[in-house]
Amino acid sequence: MPIYEISCAACGYSGEVIAFNPDGPLACPSCGSTDTRKLMSATSSMTGKASQAFPGSGDTTCCGKRPSEASCAGPGSCCGKTF
């Protein structure tokens, strides 16, 4: 079942819906209207081929330090610390 982002002309709802019948009209989850249009969605970071499967020597954490210097869980993680 595909997920689509829609905009509803009847109530102004803008968000995601699951399409049980992707060939049929997409109903608004807020008001039930089928006066909706599909929106362009951002590409997921979980799709496509990863450039590198494991952290490398040039990777940094969210605070800009190398993982070994920041005592973090790895790239993108600062374990809840604020900087």
PDB file of N, CA and C in Angstrom:
ATOM      1  N   MET A   1       0.840  -1.170   0.000  1.00  0.00           N
ATOM      2  CA  MET A   1       0.000   0.000   0.000  1.00  0.00           C
ATOM      3  C   MET A   1       0.887   1.236   0.000  1.00  0.00           C
ATOM      4  N   PRO A   2       0.811   2.038  -1.026  1.00  0.00           N
ATOM      5  CA  PRO A   2       1.648   3.241  -1.083  1.00  0.00           C
ATOM      6  C   PRO A   2       1.128   4.340  -0.155  1.00  0.00           C
ATOM      7  N   ILE A   3       2.028   5.196   0.252  1.00  0.00           N
ATOM      8  CA  ILE A   3       1.692   6.366   1.065  1.00  0.00           C
ATOM      9  C   ILE A   3       1.876   7.592   0.182  1.00  0.00           C
ATOM     10  N   TYR A   4       0.864   8.460   0.175  1.00  0.00           N
ATOM     11  CA  TYR A   4       0.913   9.686  -0.617  1.00  0.00           C
ATOM     12  C   TYR A   4       0.751  10.885   0.306  1.00  0.00           C
ATOM     13  N   GLU A   5       1.378  11.991  -0.078  1.00  0.00           N
ATOM     14  CA  GLU A   5       1.103  13.260   0.572  1.00  0.00           C
ATOM     15  C   GLU A   5       0.026  13.922  -0.250  1.00  0.00           C
ATOM     16  N   ILE A   6      -1.008  14.435   0.443  1.00  0.00           N
ATOM     17  CA  ILE A   6      -2.110  15.068  -0.274  1.00  0.00           C
ATOM     18  C   ILE A   6      -2.415  16.434   0.310  1.00  0.00           C
ATOM     19  N   SER A   7      -3.172  17.209  -0.465  1.00  0.00           N
ATOM     20  CA  SER A   7      -3.725  18.474  -0.029  1.00  0.00           C
ATOM     21  C   SER A   7      -5.214  18.413  -0.322  1.00  0.00           C
ATOM     22  N   CYS A   8      -6.039  18.751   0.650  1.00  0.00           N
ATOM     23  CA  CYS A   8      -7.493  18.697   0.495  1.00  0.00           C
ATOM     24  C   CYS A   8      -8.027  20.108   0.223  1.00  0.00           C
ATOM     25  N   ALA A   9      -8.759  20.267  -0.870  1.00  0.00           N
ATOM     26  CA  ALA A   9      -9.338  21.559  -1.229  1.00  0.00           C
ATOM     27  C   ALA A   9     -10.542  21.888  -0.340  1.00  0.00           C
ATOM     28  N   ALA A  10     -11.201  20.883   0.205  1.00  0.00           N
ATOM     29  CA  ALA A  10     -12.410  21.106   1.002  1.00  0.00           C
ATOM     30  C   ALA A  10     -12.110  21.659   2.399  1.00  0.00           C
ATOM     31  N   CYS A  11     -11.125  21.085   3.094  1.00  0.00           N
ATOM     32  CA  CYS A  11     -10.866  21.509   4.483  1.00  0.00           C
ATOM     33  C   CYS A  11      -9.466  22.079   4.706  1.00  0.00           C
ATOM     34  N   GLY A  12      -8.576  21.966   3.696  1.00  0.00           N
ATOM     35  CA  GLY A  12      -7.221  22.511   3.831  1.00  0.00           C
ATOM     36  C   GLY A  12      -6.214  21.550   4.432  1.00  0.00           C
ATOM     37  N   TYR A  13      -6.648  20.308   4.715  1.00  0.00           N
ATOM     38  CA  TYR A  13      -5.727  19.309   5.269  1.00  0.00           C
ATOM     39  C   TYR A  13      -4.551  19.104   4.316  1.00  0.00           C
ATOM     40  N   SER A  14      -3.367  18.975   4.882  1.00  0.00           N
ATOM     41  CA  SER A  14      -2.172  18.663   4.106  1.00  0.00           C
ATOM     42  C   SER A  14      -1.368  17.657   4.904  1.00  0.00           C
ATOM     43  N   GLY A  15      -1.198  16.443   4.353  1.00  0.00           N
ATOM     44  CA  GLY A  15      -0.458  15.415   5.062  1.00  0.00           C
ATOM     45  C   GLY A  15      -0.456  14.106   4.299  1.00  0.00           C
ATOM     46  N   GLU A  16      -0.091  13.038   4.988  1.00  0.00           N
ATOM     47  CA  GLU A  16       0.053  11.726   4.361  1.00  0.00           C
ATOM     48  C   GLU A  16      -1.205  10.882   4.514  1.00  0.00           C
ATOM     49  N   VAL A  17      -1.466  10.066   3.496  1.00  0.00           N
ATOM     50  CA  VAL A  17      -2.553   9.091   3.540  1.00  0.00           C
ATOM     51  C   VAL A  17      -2.046   7.780   2.948  1.00  0.00           C
ATOM     52  N   ILE A  18      -2.586   6.683   3.435  1.00  0.00           N
ATOM     53  CA  ILE A  18      -2.286   5.373   2.856  1.00  0.00           C
ATOM     54  C   ILE A  18      -3.323   5.107   1.789  1.00  0.00           C
ATOM     55  N   ALA A  19      -2.873   4.733   0.606  1.00  0.00           N
ATOM     56  CA  ALA A  19      -3.777   4.471  -0.510  1.00  0.00           C
ATOM     57  C   ALA A  19      -4.088   2.980  -0.563  1.00  0.00           C
ATOM     58  N   PHE A  20      -5.288   2.618  -0.113  1.00  0.00           N
ATOM     59  CA  PHE A  20      -5.701   1.220  -0.175  1.00  0.00           C
ATOM     60  C   PHE A  20      -5.999   0.821  -1.615  1.00  0.00           C
ATOM     61  N   ASN A  21      -6.438   1.784  -2.425  1.00  0.00           N
ATOM     62  CA  ASN A  21      -6.677   1.581  -3.850  1.00  0.00           C
ATOM     63  C   ASN A  21      -5.997   2.742  -4.585  1.00  0.00           C
ATOM     64  N   PRO A  22      -4.723   2.599  -4.956  1.00  0.00           N
ATOM     65  CA  PRO A  22      -3.983   3.718  -5.545  1.00  0.00           C
ATOM     66  C   PRO A  22      -4.553   4.221  -6.868  1.00  0.00           C
ATOM     67  N   ASP A  23      -5.405   3.420  -7.527  1.00  0.00           N
ATOM     68  CA  ASP A  23      -6.010   3.873  -8.775  1.00  0.00           C
ATOM     69  C   ASP A  23      -7.249   4.729  -8.538  1.00  0.00           C
ATOM     70  N   GLY A  24      -7.826   4.634  -7.338  1.00  0.00           N
ATOM     71  CA  GLY A  24      -9.028   5.394  -7.022  1.00  0.00           C
ATOM     72  C   GLY A  24      -8.694   6.753  -6.443  1.00  0.00           C
ATOM     73  N   PRO A  25      -9.731   7.560  -6.163  1.00  0.00           N
ATOM     74  CA  PRO A  25      -9.484   8.878  -5.561  1.00  0.00           C
ATOM     75  C   PRO A  25      -8.977   8.741  -4.136  1.00  0.00           C
ATOM     76  N   LEU A  26      -8.128   9.662  -3.727  1.00  0.00           N
ATOM     77  CA  LEU A  26      -7.584   9.643  -2.374  1.00  0.00           C
ATOM     78  C   LEU A  26      -8.487  10.473  -1.469  1.00  0.00           C
ATOM     79  N   ALA A  27      -9.032   9.863  -0.438  1.00  0.00           N
ATOM     80  CA  ALA A  27      -9.941  10.553   0.472  1.00  0.00           C
ATOM     81  C   ALA A  27      -9.162  11.234   1.588  1.00  0.00           C
ATOM     82  N   CYS A  28      -9.608  12.414   1.960  1.00  0.00           N
ATOM     83  CA  CYS A  28      -9.003  13.181   3.046  1.00  0.00           C
ATOM     84  C   CYS A  28      -9.330  12.505   4.374  1.00  0.00           C
ATOM     85  N   PRO A  29      -8.320  12.241   5.231  1.00  0.00           N
ATOM     86  CA  PRO A  29      -8.589  11.613   6.520  1.00  0.00           C
ATOM     87  C   PRO A  29      -9.280  12.559   7.507  1.00  0.00           C
ATOM     88  N   SER A  30      -9.246  13.849   7.226  1.00  0.00           N
ATOM     89  CA  SER A  30      -9.839  14.825   8.122  1.00  0.00           C
ATOM     90  C   SER A  30     -11.338  15.004   7.883  1.00  0.00           C
ATOM     91  N   CYS A  31     -11.731  15.164   6.592  1.00  0.00           N
ATOM     92  CA  CYS A  31     -13.140  15.438   6.293  1.00  0.00           C
ATOM     93  C   CYS A  31     -13.788  14.400   5.387  1.00  0.00           C
ATOM     94  N   GLY A  32     -13.008  13.496   4.791  1.00  0.00           N
ATOM     95  CA  GLY A  32     -13.558  12.454   3.928  1.00  0.00           C
ATOM     96  C   GLY A  32     -13.741  12.867   2.481  1.00  0.00           C
ATOM     97  N   SER A  33     -13.453  14.105   2.140  1.00  0.00           N
ATOM     98  CA  SER A  33     -13.614  14.586   0.766  1.00  0.00           C
ATOM     99  C   SER A  33     -12.620  13.903  -0.170  1.00  0.00           C
ATOM    100  N   THR A  34     -13.030  13.719  -1.414  1.00  0.00           N
ATOM    101  CA  THR A  34     -12.110  13.189  -2.426  1.00  0.00           C
ATOM    102  C   THR A  34     -11.613  14.298  -3.343  1.00  0.00           C
ATOM    103  N   ASP A  35     -11.867  15.553  -2.959  1.00  0.00           N
ATOM    104  CA  ASP A  35     -11.367  16.705  -3.713  1.00  0.00           C
ATOM    105  C   ASP A  35      -9.946  16.995  -3.241  1.00  0.00           C
ATOM    106  N   THR A  36      -9.042  16.055  -3.535  1.00  0.00           N
ATOM    107  CA  THR A  36      -7.656  16.140  -3.077  1.00  0.00           C
ATOM    108  C   THR A  36      -6.706  16.096  -4.263  1.00  0.00           C
ATOM    109  N   ARG A  37      -5.500  16.537  -4.014  1.00  0.00           N
ATOM    110  CA  ARG A  37      -4.458  16.409  -5.040  1.00  0.00           C
ATOM    111  C   ARG A  37      -3.198  15.885  -4.384  1.00  0.00           C
ATOM    112  N   LYS A  38      -2.450  15.089  -5.152  1.00  0.00           N
ATOM    113  CA  LYS A  38      -1.191  14.531  -4.654  1.00  0.00           C
ATOM    114  C   LYS A  38      -0.128  15.614  -4.674  1.00  0.00           C
ATOM    115  N   LEU A  39       0.709  15.609  -3.648  1.00  0.00           N
ATOM    116  CA  LEU A  39       1.823  16.542  -3.552  1.00  0.00           C
ATOM    117  C   LEU A  39       3.127  15.807  -3.798  1.00  0.00           C
ATOM    118  N   MET A  40       4.139  16.535  -4.203  1.00  0.00           N
ATOM    119  CA  MET A  40       5.468  15.963  -4.393  1.00  0.00           C
ATOM    120  C   MET A  40       6.093  15.767  -3.019  1.00  0.00           C
ATOM    121  N   SER A  41       6.580  14.574  -2.750  1.00  0.00           N
ATOM    122  CA  SER A  41       7.196  14.254  -1.464  1.00  0.00           C
ATOM    123  C   SER A  41       8.708  14.346  -1.556  1.00  0.00           C
ATOM    124  N   ALA A  42       9.324  14.632  -0.420  1.00  0.00           N
ATOM    125  CA  ALA A  42      10.782  14.622  -0.350  1.00  0.00           C
ATOM    126  C   ALA A  42      11.263  13.181  -0.419  1.00  0.00           C
ATOM    127  N   THR A  43      12.408  12.970  -0.995  1.00  0.00           N
ATOM    128  CA  THR A  43      12.984  11.636  -1.093  1.00  0.00           C
ATOM    129  C   THR A  43      13.435  11.167   0.277  1.00  0.00           C
ATOM    130  N   SER A  44      13.191   9.932   0.583  1.00  0.00           N
ATOM    131  CA  SER A  44      13.604   9.361   1.859  1.00  0.00           C
ATOM    132  C   SER A  44      15.102   9.114   1.861  1.00  0.00           C
ATOM    133  N   SER A  45      15.722   9.338   3.003  1.00  0.00           N
ATOM    134  CA  SER A  45      17.147   9.039   3.126  1.00  0.00           C
ATOM    135  C   SER A  45      17.386   7.534   3.223  1.00  0.00           C
ATOM    136  N   MET A  46      16.311   6.770   3.381  1.00  0.00           N
ATOM    137  CA  MET A  46      16.438   5.322   3.506  1.00  0.00           C
ATOM    138  C   MET A  46      16.400   4.629   2.140  1.00  0.00           C
ATOM    139  N   THR A  47      16.239   5.385   1.072  1.00  0.00           N
ATOM    140  CA  THR A  47      16.197   4.779  -0.253  1.00  0.00           C
ATOM    141  C   THR A  47      17.512   5.018  -0.972  1.00  0.00           C
ATOM    142  N   GLY A  48      17.755   4.236  -1.966  1.00  0.00           N
ATOM    143  CA  GLY A  48      18.976   4.404  -2.748  1.00  0.00           C
ATOM    144  C   GLY A  48      20.156   3.709  -2.105  1.00  0.00           C
ATOM    145  N   LYS A  49      21.284   3.798  -2.748  1.00  0.00           N
ATOM    146  CA  LYS A  49      22.486   3.134  -2.273  1.00  0.00           C
ATOM    147  C   LYS A  49      23.246   4.057  -1.331  1.00  0.00           C
ATOM    148  N   ALA A  50      23.639   3.523  -0.209  1.00  0.00           N
ATOM    149  CA  ALA A  50      24.434   4.290   0.746  1.00  0.00           C
ATOM    150  C   ALA A  50      25.836   4.486   0.187  1.00  0.00           C
ATOM    151  N   SER A  51      26.389   5.672   0.402  1.00  0.00           N
ATOM    152  CA  SER A  51      27.723   5.938  -0.106  1.00  0.00           C
ATOM    153  C   SER A  51      28.785   5.175   0.685  1.00  0.00           C
ATOM    154  N   GLN A  52      28.498   4.927   1.965  1.00  0.00           N
ATOM    155  CA  GLN A  52      29.458   4.227   2.805  1.00  0.00           C
ATOM    156  C   GLN A  52      28.674   3.458   3.863  1.00  0.00           C
ATOM    157  N   ALA A  53      28.899   2.185   3.995  1.00  0.00           N
ATOM    158  CA  ALA A  53      28.134   1.359   4.922  1.00  0.00           C
ATOM    159  C   ALA A  53      28.544   1.576   6.378  1.00  0.00           C
ATOM    160  N   PHE A  54      29.810   1.893   6.627  1.00  0.00           N
ATOM    161  CA  PHE A  54      30.295   2.044   7.989  1.00  0.00           C
ATOM    162  C   PHE A  54      30.893   3.431   8.160  1.00  0.00           C
ATOM    163  N   PRO A  55      30.908   3.958   9.392  1.00  0.00           N
ATOM    164  CA  PRO A  55      31.539   5.262   9.611  1.00  0.00           C
ATOM    165  C   PRO A  55      32.998   5.243   9.181  1.00  0.00           C
ATOM    166  N   GLY A  56      33.403   6.333   8.602  1.00  0.00           N
ATOM    167  CA  GLY A  56      34.780   6.440   8.133  1.00  0.00           C
ATOM    168  C   GLY A  56      35.574   7.436   8.951  1.00  0.00           C
ATOM    169  N   SER A  57      36.831   7.588   8.594  1.00  0.00           N
ATOM    170  CA  SER A  57      37.730   8.453   9.357  1.00  0.00           C
ATOM    171  C   SER A  57      37.363   9.928   9.242  1.00  0.00           C
ATOM    172  N   GLY A  58      36.677  10.326   8.173  1.00  0.00           N
ATOM    173  CA  GLY A  58      36.319  11.729   8.001  1.00  0.00           C
ATOM    174  C   GLY A  58      34.958  12.087   8.552  1.00  0.00           C
ATOM    175  N   ASP A  59      34.220  11.121   9.103  1.00  0.00           N
ATOM    176  CA  ASP A  59      32.884  11.396   9.627  1.00  0.00           C
ATOM    177  C   ASP A  59      32.972  12.214  10.909  1.00  0.00           C
ATOM    178  N   THR A  60      31.942  13.036  11.129  1.00  0.00           N
ATOM    179  CA  THR A  60      31.857  13.808  12.359  1.00  0.00           C
ATOM    180  C   THR A  60      30.489  13.608  12.983  1.00  0.00           C
ATOM    181  N   THR A  61      30.383  13.931  14.272  1.00  0.00           N
ATOM    182  CA  THR A  61      29.118  13.833  14.982  1.00  0.00           C
ATOM    183  C   THR A  61      28.321  15.111  14.752  1.00  0.00           C
ATOM    184  N   CYS A  62      27.138  15.200  15.371  1.00  0.00           N
ATOM    185  CA  CYS A  62      26.304  16.389  15.179  1.00  0.00           C
ATOM    186  C   CYS A  62      26.946  17.634  15.776  1.00  0.00           C
ATOM    187  N   CYS A  63      27.866  17.473  16.726  1.00  0.00           N
ATOM    188  CA  CYS A  63      28.521  18.635  17.327  1.00  0.00           C
ATOM    189  C   CYS A  63      29.786  19.024  16.561  1.00  0.00           C
ATOM    190  N   GLY A  64      30.118  18.288  15.486  1.00  0.00           N
ATOM    191  CA  GLY A  64      31.257  18.627  14.657  1.00  0.00           C
ATOM    192  C   GLY A  64      32.559  17.961  15.066  1.00  0.00           C
ATOM    193  N   LYS A  65      32.531  17.200  16.149  1.00  0.00           N
ATOM    194  CA  LYS A  65      33.731  16.502  16.591  1.00  0.00           C
ATOM    195  C   LYS A  65      33.752  15.097  16.011  1.00  0.00           C
ATOM    196  N   ARG A  66      34.916  14.510  15.980  1.00  0.00           N
ATOM    197  CA  ARG A  66      35.025  13.121  15.548  1.00  0.00           C
ATOM    198  C   ARG A  66      34.403  12.239  16.635  1.00  0.00           C
ATOM    199  N   PRO A  67      33.810  11.093  16.265  1.00  0.00           N
ATOM    200  CA  PRO A  67      33.173  10.232  17.270  1.00  0.00           C
ATOM    201  C   PRO A  67      34.083   9.863  18.428  1.00  0.00           C
ATOM    202  N   SER A  68      35.366   9.644  18.180  1.00  0.00           N
ATOM    203  CA  SER A  68      36.280   9.270  19.263  1.00  0.00           C
ATOM    204  C   SER A  68      36.552  10.437  20.213  1.00  0.00           C
ATOM    205  N   GLU A  69      36.355  11.677  19.748  1.00  0.00           N
ATOM    206  CA  GLU A  69      36.603  12.852  20.583  1.00  0.00           C
ATOM    207  C   GLU A  69      35.372  13.291  21.359  1.00  0.00           C
ATOM    208  N   ALA A  70      34.169  12.958  20.868  1.00  0.00           N
ATOM    209  CA  ALA A  70      32.948  13.495  21.448  1.00  0.00           C
ATOM    210  C   ALA A  70      32.268  12.554  22.423  1.00  0.00           C
ATOM    211  N   SER A  71      32.789  11.384  22.617  1.00  0.00           N
ATOM    212  CA  SER A  71      32.188  10.341  23.457  1.00  0.00           C
ATOM    213  C   SER A  71      30.720  10.128  23.101  1.00  0.00           C
ATOM    214  N   CYS A  72      30.473  10.021  21.812  1.00  0.00           N
ATOM    215  CA  CYS A  72      29.111   9.835  21.297  1.00  0.00           C
ATOM    216  C   CYS A  72      28.929   8.413  20.791  1.00  0.00           C
ATOM    217  N   ALA A  73      27.695   8.120  20.394  1.00  0.00           N
ATOM    218  CA  ALA A  73      27.375   6.799  19.857  1.00  0.00           C
ATOM    219  C   ALA A  73      27.856   6.648  18.423  1.00  0.00           C
ATOM    220  N   GLY A  74      28.176   7.730  17.750  1.00  0.00           N
ATOM    221  CA  GLY A  74      28.643   7.660  16.374  1.00  0.00           C
ATOM    222  C   GLY A  74      28.207   8.867  15.579  1.00  0.00           C
ATOM    223  N   PRO A  75      28.450   8.878  14.274  1.00  0.00           N
ATOM    224  CA  PRO A  75      28.083  10.019  13.440  1.00  0.00           C
ATOM    225  C   PRO A  75      26.603  10.345  13.577  1.00  0.00           C
ATOM    226  N   GLY A  76      26.303  11.630  13.779  1.00  0.00           N
ATOM    227  CA  GLY A  76      24.918  12.075  13.883  1.00  0.00           C
ATOM    228  C   GLY A  76      24.344  11.962  15.278  1.00  0.00           C
ATOM    229  N   SER A  77      25.123  11.495  16.232  1.00  0.00           N
ATOM    230  CA  SER A  77      24.612  11.305  17.590  1.00  0.00           C
ATOM    231  C   SER A  77      25.501  12.025  18.579  1.00  0.00           C
ATOM    232  N   CYS A  78      24.897  12.836  19.429  1.00  0.00           N
ATOM    233  CA  CYS A  78      25.635  13.467  20.527  1.00  0.00           C
ATOM    234  C   CYS A  78      25.021  13.093  21.849  1.00  0.00           C
ATOM    235  N   CYS A  79      24.290  11.997  21.868  1.00  0.00           N
ATOM    236  CA  CYS A  79      23.767  11.408  23.102  1.00  0.00           C
ATOM    237  C   CYS A  79      22.979  12.412  23.930  1.00  0.00           C
ATOM    238  N   GLY A  80      22.237  13.301  23.287  1.00  0.00           N
ATOM    239  CA  GLY A  80      21.394  14.253  23.997  1.00  0.00           C
ATOM    240  C   GLY A  80      22.108  15.479  24.492  1.00  0.00           C
ATOM    241  N   LYS A  81      23.403  15.623  24.203  1.00  0.00           N
ATOM    242  CA  LYS A  81      24.144  16.797  24.651  1.00  0.00           C
ATOM    243  C   LYS A  81      23.750  17.994  23.809  1.00  0.00           C
ATOM    244  N   THR A  82      23.726  19.160  24.398  1.00  0.00           N
ATOM    245  CA  THR A  82      23.479  20.399  23.651  1.00  0.00           C
ATOM    246  C   THR A  82      24.761  21.194  23.596  1.00  0.00           C
ATOM    247  N   PHE A  83      25.024  21.791  22.452  1.00  0.00           N
ATOM    248  CA  PHE A  83      26.254  22.556  22.258  1.00  0.00           C
ATOM    249  C   PHE A  83      25.935  23.931  21.784  1.00  0.00           C
TER     250      PHE A  83
END
